[in-house]
Amino acid sequence: PQWLRVQLELAGEHDVVAGIVDLDQLTTSP
């Protein structure tokens, strides 16, 4: 839910931001 809000907050001081990915624990084997 906070994905776009965080980007706009970071956009105040940055022109481009890169995040990370998490694997879906519900469909990924341990």
PDB file of all heavy atoms in Angstrom:
ATOM      1  N   PRO A   1       0.796  -1.229   0.000  1.00  0.00           N
ATOM      2  CA  PRO A   1       0.000   0.000   0.000  1.00  0.00           C
ATOM      3  C   PRO A   1       0.828   1.277   0.000  1.00  0.00           C
ATOM      4  O   PRO A   1       0.409   2.295  -0.558  1.00  0.00           O
ATOM      5  CB  PRO A   1      -0.829  -0.125   1.283  1.00  0.00           C
ATOM      6  CG  PRO A   1      -0.955  -1.598   1.503  1.00  0.00           C
ATOM      7  CD  PRO A   1       0.361  -2.169   1.055  1.00  0.00           C
ATOM      8  N   GLN A   2       2.007   1.245   0.604  1.00  0.00           N
ATOM      9  CA  GLN A   2       2.820   2.454   0.695  1.00  0.00           C
ATOM     10  C   GLN A   2       3.748   2.659  -0.499  1.00  0.00           C
ATOM     11  O   GLN A   2       4.529   3.614  -0.525  1.00  0.00           O
ATOM     12  CB  GLN A   2       3.653   2.437   1.990  1.00  0.00           C
ATOM     13  CG  GLN A   2       4.785   1.401   2.019  1.00  0.00           C
ATOM     14  CD  GLN A   2       4.334   0.040   2.494  1.00  0.00           C
ATOM     15  OE1 GLN A   2       3.136  -0.270   2.494  1.00  0.00           O
ATOM     16  NE2 GLN A   2       5.287  -0.777   2.923  1.00  0.00           N
ATOM     17  N   TRP A   3       3.672   1.811  -1.494  1.00  0.00           N
ATOM     18  CA  TRP A   3       4.641   1.811  -2.604  1.00  0.00           C
ATOM     19  C   TRP A   3       4.714   3.156  -3.318  1.00  0.00           C
ATOM     20  O   TRP A   3       5.808   3.704  -3.520  1.00  0.00           O
ATOM     21  CB  TRP A   3       4.266   0.703  -3.589  1.00  0.00           C
ATOM     22  CG  TRP A   3       5.220   0.477  -4.719  1.00  0.00           C
ATOM     23  CD1 TRP A   3       6.531   0.084  -4.625  1.00  0.00           C
ATOM     24  CD2 TRP A   3       4.941   0.597  -6.115  1.00  0.00           C
ATOM     25  NE1 TRP A   3       7.080  -0.059  -5.877  1.00  0.00           N
ATOM     26  CE2 TRP A   3       6.125   0.252  -6.806  1.00  0.00           C
ATOM     27  CE3 TRP A   3       3.805   0.928  -6.849  1.00  0.00           C
ATOM     28  CZ2 TRP A   3       6.208   0.259  -8.208  1.00  0.00           C
ATOM     29  CZ3 TRP A   3       3.880   0.934  -8.234  1.00  0.00           C
ATOM     30  CH2 TRP A   3       5.071   0.604  -8.903  1.00  0.00           C
ATOM     31  N   LEU A   4       3.611   3.717  -3.699  1.00  0.00           N
ATOM     32  CA  LEU A   4       3.619   4.996  -4.410  1.00  0.00           C
ATOM     33  C   LEU A   4       3.922   6.153  -3.472  1.00  0.00           C
ATOM     34  O   LEU A   4       4.629   7.101  -3.843  1.00  0.00           O
ATOM     35  CB  LEU A   4       2.285   5.218  -5.121  1.00  0.00           C
ATOM     36  CG  LEU A   4       1.983   4.254  -6.261  1.00  0.00           C
ATOM     37  CD1 LEU A   4       0.588   4.511  -6.834  1.00  0.00           C
ATOM     38  CD2 LEU A   4       3.030   4.378  -7.374  1.00  0.00           C
ATOM     39  N   ARG A   5       3.410   6.091  -2.257  1.00  0.00           N
ATOM     40  CA  ARG A   5       3.678   7.162  -1.296  1.00  0.00           C
ATOM     41  C   ARG A   5       5.167   7.282  -1.005  1.00  0.00           C
ATOM     42  O   ARG A   5       5.711   8.394  -0.967  1.00  0.00           O
ATOM     43  CB  ARG A   5       2.900   6.906  -0.003  1.00  0.00           C
ATOM     44  CG  ARG A   5       3.227   7.901   1.110  1.00  0.00           C
ATOM     45  CD  ARG A   5       2.329   7.708   2.314  1.00  0.00           C
ATOM     46  NE  ARG A   5       2.324   6.349   2.806  1.00  0.00           N
ATOM     47  CZ  ARG A   5       3.274   5.833   3.588  1.00  0.00           C
ATOM     48  NH1 ARG A   5       4.343   6.556   3.921  1.00  0.00           N
ATOM     49  NH2 ARG A   5       3.177   4.593   4.022  1.00  0.00           N
ATOM     50  N   VAL A   6       5.828   6.147  -0.821  1.00  0.00           N
ATOM     51  CA  VAL A   6       7.275   6.166  -0.560  1.00  0.00           C
ATOM     52  C   VAL A   6       8.023   6.753  -1.750  1.00  0.00           C
ATOM     53  O   VAL A   6       8.971   7.537  -1.582  1.00  0.00           O
ATOM     54  CB  VAL A   6       7.779   4.747  -0.241  1.00  0.00           C
ATOM     55  CG1 VAL A   6       9.300   4.704  -0.229  1.00  0.00           C
ATOM     56  CG2 VAL A   6       7.225   4.280   1.101  1.00  0.00           C
ATOM     57  N   GLN A   7       7.612   6.395  -2.963  1.00  0.00           N
ATOM     58  CA  GLN A   7       8.291   6.933  -4.140  1.00  0.00           C
ATOM     59  C   GLN A   7       8.170   8.451  -4.207  1.00  0.00           C
ATOM     60  O   GLN A   7       9.148   9.154  -4.508  1.00  0.00           O
ATOM     61  CB  GLN A   7       7.726   6.308  -5.411  1.00  0.00           C
ATOM     62  CG  GLN A   7       8.128   4.864  -5.599  1.00  0.00           C
ATOM     63  CD  GLN A   7       7.835   4.347  -6.992  1.00  0.00           C
ATOM     64  OE1 GLN A   7       8.249   4.931  -7.986  1.00  0.00           O
ATOM     65  NE2 GLN A   7       7.121   3.252  -7.067  1.00  0.00           N
ATOM     66  N   LEU A   8       6.989   8.968  -3.945  1.00  0.00           N
ATOM     67  CA  LEU A   8       6.819  10.415  -3.998  1.00  0.00           C
ATOM     68  C   LEU A   8       7.610  11.112  -2.893  1.00  0.00           C
ATOM     69  O   LEU A   8       8.112  12.222  -3.083  1.00  0.00           O
ATOM     70  CB  LEU A   8       5.335  10.778  -3.904  1.00  0.00           C
ATOM     71  CG  LEU A   8       4.479  10.421  -5.121  1.00  0.00           C
ATOM     72  CD1 LEU A   8       3.068  10.971  -4.956  1.00  0.00           C
ATOM     73  CD2 LEU A   8       5.100  10.952  -6.417  1.00  0.00           C
ATOM     74  N   GLU A   9       7.735  10.457  -1.745  1.00  0.00           N
ATOM     75  CA  GLU A   9       8.561  11.023  -0.676  1.00  0.00           C
ATOM     76  C   GLU A   9      10.026  11.063  -1.098  1.00  0.00           C
ATOM     77  O   GLU A   9      10.720  12.059  -0.889  1.00  0.00           O
ATOM     78  CB  GLU A   9       8.386  10.205   0.605  1.00  0.00           C
ATOM     79  CG  GLU A   9       7.005  10.342   1.236  1.00  0.00           C
ATOM     80  CD  GLU A   9       6.787   9.357   2.372  1.00  0.00           C
ATOM     81  OE1 GLU A   9       7.672   8.496   2.604  1.00  0.00           O
ATOM     82  OE2 GLU A   9       5.721   9.430   3.018  1.00  0.00           O
ATOM     83  N   LEU A  10      10.505   9.984  -1.703  1.00  0.00           N
ATOM     84  CA  LEU A  10      11.891   9.941  -2.173  1.00  0.00           C
ATOM     85  C   LEU A  10      12.118  10.898  -3.339  1.00  0.00           C
ATOM     86  O   LEU A  10      13.219  11.423  -3.517  1.00  0.00           O
ATOM     87  CB  LEU A  10      12.246   8.518  -2.599  1.00  0.00           C
ATOM     88  CG  LEU A  10      12.307   7.470  -1.479  1.00  0.00           C
ATOM     89  CD1 LEU A  10      12.407   6.072  -2.069  1.00  0.00           C
ATOM     90  CD2 LEU A  10      13.495   7.747  -0.571  1.00  0.00           C
ATOM     91  N   ALA A  11      11.070  11.123  -4.123  1.00  0.00           N
ATOM     92  CA  ALA A  11      11.191  11.986  -5.299  1.00  0.00           C
ATOM     93  C   ALA A  11      11.511  13.421  -4.929  1.00  0.00           C
ATOM     94  O   ALA A  11      11.968  14.196  -5.781  1.00  0.00           O
ATOM     95  CB  ALA A  11       9.898  11.942  -6.110  1.00  0.00           C
ATOM     96  N   GLY A  12      11.301  13.793  -3.680  1.00  0.00           N
ATOM     97  CA  GLY A  12      11.641  15.143  -3.270  1.00  0.00           C
ATOM     98  C   GLY A  12      13.128  15.438  -3.362  1.00  0.00           C
ATOM     99  O   GLY A  12      13.532  16.584  -3.564  1.00  0.00           O
ATOM    100  N   GLU A  13      13.948  14.372  -3.250  1.00  0.00           N
ATOM    101  CA  GLU A  13      15.404  14.569  -3.273  1.00  0.00           C
ATOM    102  C   GLU A  13      16.104  13.736  -4.333  1.00  0.00           C
ATOM    103  O   GLU A  13      17.330  13.811  -4.461  1.00  0.00           O
ATOM    104  CB  GLU A  13      15.996  14.240  -1.897  1.00  0.00           C
ATOM    105  CG  GLU A  13      15.493  15.139  -0.775  1.00  0.00           C
ATOM    106  CD  GLU A  13      16.120  14.797   0.559  1.00  0.00           C
ATOM    107  OE1 GLU A  13      16.908  13.814   0.604  1.00  0.00           O
ATOM    108  OE2 GLU A  13      15.835  15.494   1.540  1.00  0.00           O
ATOM    109  N   HIS A  14      15.360  12.937  -5.095  1.00  0.00           N
ATOM    110  CA  HIS A  14      15.982  12.049  -6.085  1.00  0.00           C
ATOM    111  C   HIS A  14      15.197  12.080  -7.391  1.00  0.00           C
ATOM    112  O   HIS A  14      13.984  12.260  -7.396  1.00  0.00           O
ATOM    113  CB  HIS A  14      16.051  10.621  -5.547  1.00  0.00           C
ATOM    114  CG  HIS A  14      16.755  10.502  -4.225  1.00  0.00           C
ATOM    115  ND1 HIS A  14      16.090  10.609  -3.015  1.00  0.00           N
ATOM    116  CD2 HIS A  14      18.054  10.315  -3.924  1.00  0.00           C
ATOM    117  CE1 HIS A  14      16.967  10.484  -2.029  1.00  0.00           C
ATOM    118  NE2 HIS A  14      18.160  10.297  -2.556  1.00  0.00           N
ATOM    119  N   ASP A  15      15.931  11.875  -8.488  1.00  0.00           N
ATOM    120  CA  ASP A  15      15.306  11.853  -9.810  1.00  0.00           C
ATOM    121  C   ASP A  15      14.915  10.447 -10.242  1.00  0.00           C
ATOM    122  O   ASP A  15      14.063  10.273 -11.112  1.00  0.00           O
ATOM    123  CB  ASP A  15      16.262  12.444 -10.854  1.00  0.00           C
ATOM    124  CG  ASP A  15      16.638  13.878 -10.530  1.00  0.00           C
ATOM    125  OD1 ASP A  15      15.730  14.666 -10.219  1.00  0.00           O
ATOM    126  OD2 ASP A  15      17.838  14.205 -10.582  1.00  0.00           O
ATOM    127  N   VAL A  16      15.550   9.450  -9.651  1.00  0.00           N
ATOM    128  CA  VAL A  16      15.233   8.059  -9.957  1.00  0.00           C
ATOM    129  C   VAL A  16      15.532   7.225  -8.714  1.00  0.00           C
ATOM    130  O   VAL A  16      16.522   7.453  -8.019  1.00  0.00           O
ATOM    131  CB  VAL A  16      16.032   7.543 -11.179  1.00  0.00           C
ATOM    132  CG1 VAL A  16      17.526   7.670 -10.961  1.00  0.00           C
ATOM    133  CG2 VAL A  16      15.664   6.102 -11.508  1.00  0.00           C
ATOM    134  N   VAL A  17      14.639   6.280  -8.426  1.00  0.00           N
ATOM    135  CA  VAL A  17      14.819   5.420  -7.261  1.00  0.00           C
ATOM    136  C   VAL A  17      14.601   3.964  -7.681  1.00  0.00           C
ATOM    137  O   VAL A  17      13.748   3.669  -8.522  1.00  0.00           O
ATOM    138  CB  VAL A  17      13.854   5.786  -6.117  1.00  0.00           C
ATOM    139  CG1 VAL A  17      14.158   7.179  -5.599  1.00  0.00           C
ATOM    140  CG2 VAL A  17      12.404   5.693  -6.554  1.00  0.00           C
ATOM    141  N   ALA A  18      15.383   3.079  -7.104  1.00  0.00           N
ATOM    142  CA  ALA A  18      15.271   1.648  -7.397  1.00  0.00           C
ATOM    143  C   ALA A  18      15.062   0.892  -6.098  1.00  0.00           C
ATOM    144  O   ALA A  18      15.793   1.100  -5.121  1.00  0.00           O
ATOM    145  CB  ALA A  18      16.527   1.140  -8.109  1.00  0.00           C
ATOM    146  N   GLY A  19      14.064   0.017  -6.085  1.00  0.00           N
ATOM    147  CA  GLY A  19      13.782  -0.788  -4.912  1.00  0.00           C
ATOM    148  C   GLY A  19      14.212  -2.228  -5.106  1.00  0.00           C
ATOM    149  O   GLY A  19      14.912  -2.576  -6.061  1.00  0.00           O
ATOM    150  N   ILE A  20      13.753  -3.077  -4.210  1.00  0.00           N
ATOM    151  CA  ILE A  20      14.124  -4.482  -4.251  1.00  0.00           C
ATOM    152  C   ILE A  20      12.882  -5.335  -4.488  1.00  0.00           C
ATOM    153  O   ILE A  20      11.755  -4.837  -4.487  1.00  0.00           O
ATOM    154  CB  ILE A  20      14.828  -4.930  -2.958  1.00  0.00           C
ATOM    155  CG1 ILE A  20      13.913  -4.730  -1.749  1.00  0.00           C
ATOM    156  CG2 ILE A  20      16.134  -4.176  -2.786  1.00  0.00           C
ATOM    157  CD1 ILE A  20      14.458  -5.343  -0.466  1.00  0.00           C
ATOM    158  N   VAL A  21      13.102  -6.632  -4.680  1.00  0.00           N
ATOM    159  CA  VAL A  21      12.001  -7.580  -4.833  1.00  0.00           C
ATOM    160  C   VAL A  21      12.080  -8.638  -3.740  1.00  0.00           C
ATOM    161  O   VAL A  21      13.163  -9.036  -3.318  1.00  0.00           O
ATOM    162  CB  VAL A  21      12.016  -8.258  -6.224  1.00  0.00           C
ATOM    163  CG1 VAL A  21      11.777  -7.232  -7.316  1.00  0.00           C
ATOM    164  CG2 VAL A  21      13.318  -9.015  -6.460  1.00  0.00           C
ATOM    165  N   ASP A  22      10.916  -9.053  -3.288  1.00  0.00           N
ATOM    166  CA  ASP A  22      10.785 -10.188  -2.372  1.00  0.00           C
ATOM    167  C   ASP A  22      10.033 -11.286  -3.100  1.00  0.00           C
ATOM    168  O   ASP A  22       9.096 -11.001  -3.859  1.00  0.00           O
ATOM    169  CB  ASP A  22       9.993  -9.797  -1.117  1.00  0.00           C
ATOM    170  CG  ASP A  22      10.693  -8.758  -0.270  1.00  0.00           C
ATOM    171  OD1 ASP A  22      11.921  -8.879  -0.099  1.00  0.00           O
ATOM    172  OD2 ASP A  22      10.014  -7.834   0.224  1.00  0.00           O
ATOM    173  N   LEU A  23      10.397 -12.536  -2.863  1.00  0.00           N
ATOM    174  CA  LEU A  23       9.647 -13.642  -3.448  1.00  0.00           C
ATOM    175  C   LEU A  23       8.370 -13.879  -2.656  1.00  0.00           C
ATOM    176  O   LEU A  23       8.337 -13.696  -1.438  1.00  0.00           O
ATOM    177  CB  LEU A  23      10.494 -14.914  -3.477  1.00  0.00           C
ATOM    178  CG  LEU A  23      11.764 -14.889  -4.341  1.00  0.00           C
ATOM    179  CD1 LEU A  23      12.378 -16.284  -4.401  1.00  0.00           C
ATOM    180  CD2 LEU A  23      11.477 -14.371  -5.730  1.00  0.00           C
ATOM    181  N   ASP A  24       7.333 -14.276  -3.345  1.00  0.00           N
ATOM    182  CA  ASP A  24       6.047 -14.563  -2.732  1.00  0.00           C
ATOM    183  C   ASP A  24       6.176 -15.805  -1.857  1.00  0.00           C
ATOM    184  O   ASP A  24       6.333 -16.919  -2.360  1.00  0.00           O
ATOM    185  CB  ASP A  24       5.002 -14.791  -3.827  1.00  0.00           C
ATOM    186  CG  ASP A  24       3.602 -14.976  -3.278  1.00  0.00           C
ATOM    187  OD1 ASP A  24       3.449 -15.043  -2.036  1.00  0.00           O
ATOM    188  OD2 ASP A  24       2.661 -15.050  -4.089  1.00  0.00           O
ATOM    189  N   GLN A  25       6.096 -15.626  -0.548  1.00  0.00           N
ATOM    190  CA  GLN A  25       6.290 -16.756   0.362  1.00  0.00           C
ATOM    191  C   GLN A  25       5.158 -17.774   0.262  1.00  0.00           C
ATOM    192  O   GLN A  25       5.347 -18.950   0.612  1.00  0.00           O
ATOM    193  CB  GLN A  25       6.403 -16.253   1.807  1.00  0.00           C
ATOM    194  CG  GLN A  25       7.644 -15.422   2.058  1.00  0.00           C
ATOM    195  CD  GLN A  25       7.893 -15.183   3.530  1.00  0.00           C
ATOM    196  OE1 GLN A  25       7.913 -16.111   4.327  1.00  0.00           O
ATOM    197  NE2 GLN A  25       8.082 -13.921   3.897  1.00  0.00           N
ATOM    198  N   LEU A  26       3.988 -17.347  -0.213  1.00  0.00           N
ATOM    199  CA  LEU A  26       2.865 -18.268  -0.313  1.00  0.00           C
ATOM    200  C   LEU A  26       3.036 -19.271  -1.452  1.00  0.00           C
ATOM    201  O   LEU A  26       2.469 -20.364  -1.422  1.00  0.00           O
ATOM    202  CB  LEU A  26       1.558 -17.497  -0.488  1.00  0.00           C
ATOM    203  CG  LEU A  26       1.139 -16.605   0.674  1.00  0.00           C
ATOM    204  CD1 LEU A  26      -0.150 -15.866   0.331  1.00  0.00           C
ATOM    205  CD2 LEU A  26       0.976 -17.421   1.956  1.00  0.00           C
ATOM    206  N   THR A  27       3.811 -18.896  -2.461  1.00  0.00           N
ATOM    207  CA  THR A  27       3.960 -19.773  -3.631  1.00  0.00           C
ATOM    208  C   THR A  27       5.413 -20.198  -3.861  1.00  0.00           C
ATOM    209  O   THR A  27       5.706 -20.855  -4.859  1.00  0.00           O
ATOM    210  CB  THR A  27       3.443 -19.061  -4.896  1.00  0.00           C
ATOM    211  OG1 THR A  27       4.168 -17.830  -5.082  1.00  0.00           O
ATOM    212  CG2 THR A  27       1.956 -18.748  -4.777  1.00  0.00           C
ATOM    213  N   THR A  28       6.300 -19.831  -2.954  1.00  0.00           N
ATOM    214  CA  THR A  28       7.713 -20.178  -3.085  1.00  0.00           C
ATOM    215  C   THR A  28       8.068 -21.254  -2.070  1.00  0.00           C
ATOM    216  O   THR A  28       7.749 -21.122  -0.881  1.00  0.00           O
ATOM    217  CB  THR A  28       8.614 -18.953  -2.860  1.00  0.00           C
ATOM    218  OG1 THR A  28       8.236 -17.911  -3.759  1.00  0.00           O
ATOM    219  CG2 THR A  28      10.076 -19.301  -3.071  1.00  0.00           C
ATOM    220  N   SER A  29       8.738 -22.300  -2.504  1.00  0.00           N
ATOM    221  CA  SER A  29       9.140 -23.356  -1.575  1.00  0.00           C
ATOM    222  C   SER A  29      10.158 -22.810  -0.587  1.00  0.00           C
ATOM    223  O   SER A  29      10.957 -21.918  -0.922  1.00  0.00           O
ATOM    224  CB  SER A  29       9.753 -24.531  -2.342  1.00  0.00           C
ATOM    225  OG  SER A  29      10.996 -24.159  -2.911  1.00  0.00           O
ATOM    226  N   PRO A  30      10.156 -23.306   0.658  1.00  0.00           N
ATOM    227  CA  PRO A  30      11.134 -22.842   1.648  1.00  0.00           C
ATOM    228  C   PRO A  30      12.585 -22.942   1.166  1.00  0.00           C
ATOM    229  O   PRO A  30      13.376 -22.006   1.377  1.00  0.00           O
ATOM    230  CB  PRO A  30      10.859 -23.733   2.864  1.00  0.00           C
ATOM    231  CG  PRO A  30       9.405 -24.058   2.742  1.00  0.00           C
ATOM    232  CD  PRO A  30       9.168 -24.223   1.258  1.00  0.00           C
TER     233      PRO A  30
END
